[in-house]
Amino acid sequence: QVHLVESGGGLVQAGGSLRLSCTASGSKFSTIGMSWYRQAPGKQRELVAGITNGGSTNYLDSVKRRFTISIDNAKNTVYLEMNNLKPEDTAVYYCVLDGQNGPDPLRSWGQGTQVTVSS
């Protein structure tokens, strides 16, 4: 069982910045990668950014050059630095861990943290 705890969401004006954090805890798991998804009201959940434990990253086109994902493998923590935020970035942001529990693959989701960007 892997438990993910997210923090750092909130209300910010357009052009502002926020930093999301997500820490994984539990036993008998190894991390392959972590990522951030978001879901805005009335829209489908979408992948915002992902990072492997080796540091390879990928981003949603609309957040490239504004968002930066990073990982601290020793702390099992992933971060999402969000700059130049826009109202369209408003959504619930979810942390996801992809890993292994022994021979079995696992995927765990956090509870979500609200990000609201006012215009």
C-alpha atoms as a PDB file:
ATOM      1  CA  GLN A   1       0.000   0.000   0.000  1.00  0.00           C
ATOM      2  CA  VAL A   2       1.358   3.390  -1.027  1.00  0.00           C
ATOM      3  CA  HIS A   3       0.013   6.604   0.462  1.00  0.00           C
ATOM      4  CA  LEU A   4       0.488   9.918  -1.341  1.00  0.00           C
ATOM      5  CA  VAL A   5       0.160  13.260   0.424  1.00  0.00           C
ATOM      6  CA  GLU A   6      -0.031  16.418  -1.665  1.00  0.00           C
ATOM      7  CA  SER A   7       0.410  20.006  -0.562  1.00  0.00           C
ATOM      8  CA  GLY A   8       0.929  23.466  -2.000  1.00  0.00           C
ATOM      9  CA  GLY A   9      -2.317  24.216  -3.769  1.00  0.00           C
ATOM     10  CA  GLY A  10      -4.204  27.441  -3.285  1.00  0.00           C
ATOM     11  CA  LEU A  11      -5.501  30.640  -4.817  1.00  0.00           C
ATOM     12  CA  VAL A  12      -3.190  32.823  -6.864  1.00  0.00           C
ATOM     13  CA  GLN A  13      -3.578  35.678  -9.310  1.00  0.00           C
ATOM     14  CA  ALA A  14      -2.777  35.211 -12.973  1.00  0.00           C
ATOM     15  CA  GLY A  15       0.945  35.501 -13.528  1.00  0.00           C
ATOM     16  CA  GLY A  16       1.704  34.155 -10.078  1.00  0.00           C
ATOM     17  CA  SER A  17       3.461  30.997  -8.972  1.00  0.00           C
ATOM     18  CA  LEU A  18       2.757  27.949  -6.856  1.00  0.00           C
ATOM     19  CA  ARG A  19       4.784  24.906  -5.907  1.00  0.00           C
ATOM     20  CA  LEU A  20       3.072  21.568  -5.398  1.00  0.00           C
ATOM     21  CA  SER A  21       4.667  18.750  -3.419  1.00  0.00           C
ATOM     22  CA  CYS A  22       3.733  15.105  -3.119  1.00  0.00           C
ATOM     23  CA  THR A  23       5.364  12.600  -0.795  1.00  0.00           C
ATOM     24  CA  ALA A  24       4.904   8.865  -1.034  1.00  0.00           C
ATOM     25  CA  SER A  25       5.017   6.558   1.959  1.00  0.00           C
ATOM     26  CA  GLY A  26       4.434   2.888   2.526  1.00  0.00           C
ATOM     27  CA  SER A  27       6.335  -0.332   2.489  1.00  0.00           C
ATOM     28  CA  LYS A  28       7.730  -2.716  -0.058  1.00  0.00           C
ATOM     29  CA  PHE A  29       7.501  -0.555  -3.126  1.00  0.00           C
ATOM     30  CA  SER A  30       9.924   0.893  -5.607  1.00  0.00           C
ATOM     31  CA  THR A  31       9.267   3.949  -7.712  1.00  0.00           C
ATOM     32  CA  ILE A  32       9.570   3.972 -11.484  1.00  0.00           C
ATOM     33  CA  GLY A  33       8.175   7.438 -11.961  1.00  0.00           C
ATOM     34  CA  MET A  34       5.820  10.074 -10.622  1.00  0.00           C
ATOM     35  CA  SER A  35       3.519  12.471 -12.374  1.00  0.00           C
ATOM     36  CA  TRP A  36       0.921  15.185 -11.971  1.00  0.00           C
ATOM     37  CA  TYR A  37      -2.526  15.084 -13.529  1.00  0.00           C
ATOM     38  CA  ARG A  38      -5.222  17.726 -13.353  1.00  0.00           C
ATOM     39  CA  GLN A  39      -8.943  17.864 -13.818  1.00  0.00           C
ATOM     40  CA  ALA A  40     -10.915  21.040 -14.355  1.00  0.00           C
ATOM     41  CA  PRO A  41     -14.697  21.175 -13.885  1.00  0.00           C
ATOM     42  CA  GLY A  42     -16.464  19.597 -16.826  1.00  0.00           C
ATOM     43  CA  LYS A  43     -13.224  18.434 -18.422  1.00  0.00           C
ATOM     44  CA  GLN A  44     -11.364  15.167 -18.643  1.00  0.00           C
ATOM     45  CA  ARG A  45      -8.397  14.475 -16.444  1.00  0.00           C
ATOM     46  CA  GLU A  46      -5.133  15.209 -18.274  1.00  0.00           C
ATOM     47  CA  LEU A  47      -1.472  14.487 -17.708  1.00  0.00           C
ATOM     48  CA  VAL A  48       0.355  17.699 -16.849  1.00  0.00           C
ATOM     49  CA  ALA A  49       3.903  16.451 -16.308  1.00  0.00           C
ATOM     50  CA  GLY A  50       5.759  13.244 -15.558  1.00  0.00           C
ATOM     51  CA  ILE A  51       9.235  12.306 -14.419  1.00  0.00           C
ATOM     52  CA  THR A  52      11.061   8.985 -14.134  1.00  0.00           C
ATOM     53  CA  ASN A  53      13.357   8.108 -11.253  1.00  0.00           C
ATOM     54  CA  GLY A  54      16.172   8.682 -13.739  1.00  0.00           C
ATOM     55  CA  GLY A  55      15.057  12.243 -14.342  1.00  0.00           C
ATOM     56  CA  SER A  56      13.440  12.007 -17.789  1.00  0.00           C
ATOM     57  CA  THR A  57      10.524  14.400 -18.058  1.00  0.00           C
ATOM     58  CA  ASN A  58       7.520  15.068 -20.253  1.00  0.00           C
ATOM     59  CA  TYR A  59       5.016  17.924 -20.229  1.00  0.00           C
ATOM     60  CA  LEU A  60       1.624  18.891 -21.551  1.00  0.00           C
ATOM     61  CA  ASP A  61       2.249  21.340 -24.392  1.00  0.00           C
ATOM     62  CA  SER A  62       0.302  24.136 -22.731  1.00  0.00           C
ATOM     63  CA  VAL A  63       2.516  24.105 -19.626  1.00  0.00           C
ATOM     64  CA  LYS A  64       5.917  23.788 -21.285  1.00  0.00           C
ATOM     65  CA  ARG A  65       8.313  26.576 -20.283  1.00  0.00           C
ATOM     66  CA  ARG A  66       6.000  27.499 -17.378  1.00  0.00           C
ATOM     67  CA  PHE A  67       5.942  24.331 -15.231  1.00  0.00           C
ATOM     68  CA  THR A  68       8.885  22.293 -13.991  1.00  0.00           C
ATOM     69  CA  ILE A  69       8.638  18.821 -12.481  1.00  0.00           C
ATOM     70  CA  SER A  70      11.394  17.435 -10.279  1.00  0.00           C
ATOM     71  CA  ILE A  71      11.896  14.418  -8.050  1.00  0.00           C
ATOM     72  CA  ASP A  72      13.815  13.717  -4.868  1.00  0.00           C
ATOM     73  CA  ASN A  73      14.246   9.957  -4.920  1.00  0.00           C
ATOM     74  CA  ALA A  74      15.668   9.830  -1.403  1.00  0.00           C
ATOM     75  CA  LYS A  75      12.519  11.484  -0.041  1.00  0.00           C
ATOM     76  CA  ASN A  76      10.058   9.818  -2.439  1.00  0.00           C
ATOM     77  CA  THR A  77       8.829  13.304  -3.212  1.00  0.00           C
ATOM     78  CA  VAL A  78       7.846  14.920  -6.481  1.00  0.00           C
ATOM     79  CA  TYR A  79       7.468  18.655  -6.994  1.00  0.00           C
ATOM     80  CA  LEU A  80       5.683  20.768  -9.573  1.00  0.00           C
ATOM     81  CA  GLU A  81       6.886  24.344  -9.844  1.00  0.00           C
ATOM     82  CA  MET A  82       4.230  26.354 -11.642  1.00  0.00           C
ATOM     83  CA  ASN A  83       5.073  29.822 -12.921  1.00  0.00           C
ATOM     84  CA  ASN A  84       3.153  32.392 -14.954  1.00  0.00           C
ATOM     85  CA  LEU A  85      -0.092  30.715 -13.982  1.00  0.00           C
ATOM     86  CA  LYS A  86      -3.157  31.299 -16.124  1.00  0.00           C
ATOM     87  CA  PRO A  87      -6.861  31.015 -15.287  1.00  0.00           C
ATOM     88  CA  GLU A  88      -7.027  27.946 -17.536  1.00  0.00           C
ATOM     89  CA  ASP A  89      -4.610  26.200 -15.152  1.00  0.00           C
ATOM     90  CA  THR A  90      -7.401  26.142 -12.545  1.00  0.00           C
ATOM     91  CA  ALA A  91      -8.077  22.522 -11.644  1.00  0.00           C
ATOM     92  CA  VAL A  92      -7.660  19.850  -9.016  1.00  0.00           C
ATOM     93  CA  TYR A  93      -4.116  18.537  -9.329  1.00  0.00           C
ATOM     94  CA  TYR A  94      -3.425  14.882  -8.556  1.00  0.00           C
ATOM     95  CA  CYS A  95      -0.110  13.219  -7.820  1.00  0.00           C
ATOM     96  CA  VAL A  96       0.456   9.732  -9.241  1.00  0.00           C
ATOM     97  CA  LEU A  97       3.128   7.174  -8.449  1.00  0.00           C
ATOM     98  CA  ASP A  98       3.988   4.333 -10.822  1.00  0.00           C
ATOM     99  CA  GLY A  99       6.139   1.622  -9.365  1.00  0.00           C
ATOM    100  CA  GLN A 100       6.543  -1.979  -8.364  1.00  0.00           C
ATOM    101  CA  ASN A 101       5.429  -3.890  -5.302  1.00  0.00           C
ATOM    102  CA  GLY A 102       7.655  -6.927  -5.583  1.00  0.00           C
ATOM    103  CA  PRO A 103       6.867  -8.435  -8.985  1.00  0.00           C
ATOM    104  CA  ASP A 104       3.577  -6.574  -9.313  1.00  0.00           C
ATOM    105  CA  PRO A 105       3.133  -3.190 -10.950  1.00  0.00           C
ATOM    106  CA  LEU A 106       1.353  -0.552  -8.940  1.00  0.00           C
ATOM    107  CA  ARG A 107      -0.202   2.851  -9.530  1.00  0.00           C
ATOM    108  CA  SER A 108      -1.327   5.049  -6.682  1.00  0.00           C
ATOM    109  CA  TRP A 109      -3.192   8.365  -6.731  1.00  0.00           C
ATOM    110  CA  GLY A 110      -3.157  11.200  -4.236  1.00  0.00           C
ATOM    111  CA  GLN A 111      -6.310  12.829  -2.954  1.00  0.00           C
ATOM    112  CA  GLY A 112      -5.852  15.960  -5.059  1.00  0.00           C
ATOM    113  CA  THR A 113      -5.107  19.583  -4.282  1.00  0.00           C
ATOM    114  CA  GLN A 114      -7.047  22.552  -5.638  1.00  0.00           C
ATOM    115  CA  VAL A 115      -5.283  25.195  -7.686  1.00  0.00           C
ATOM    116  CA  THR A 116      -7.317  28.294  -8.500  1.00  0.00           C
ATOM    117  CA  VAL A 117      -5.959  31.073 -10.694  1.00  0.00           C
ATOM    118  CA  SER A 118      -7.918  34.313 -10.739  1.00  0.00           C
ATOM    119  CA  SER A 119      -7.837  36.685 -13.670  1.00  0.00           C
END
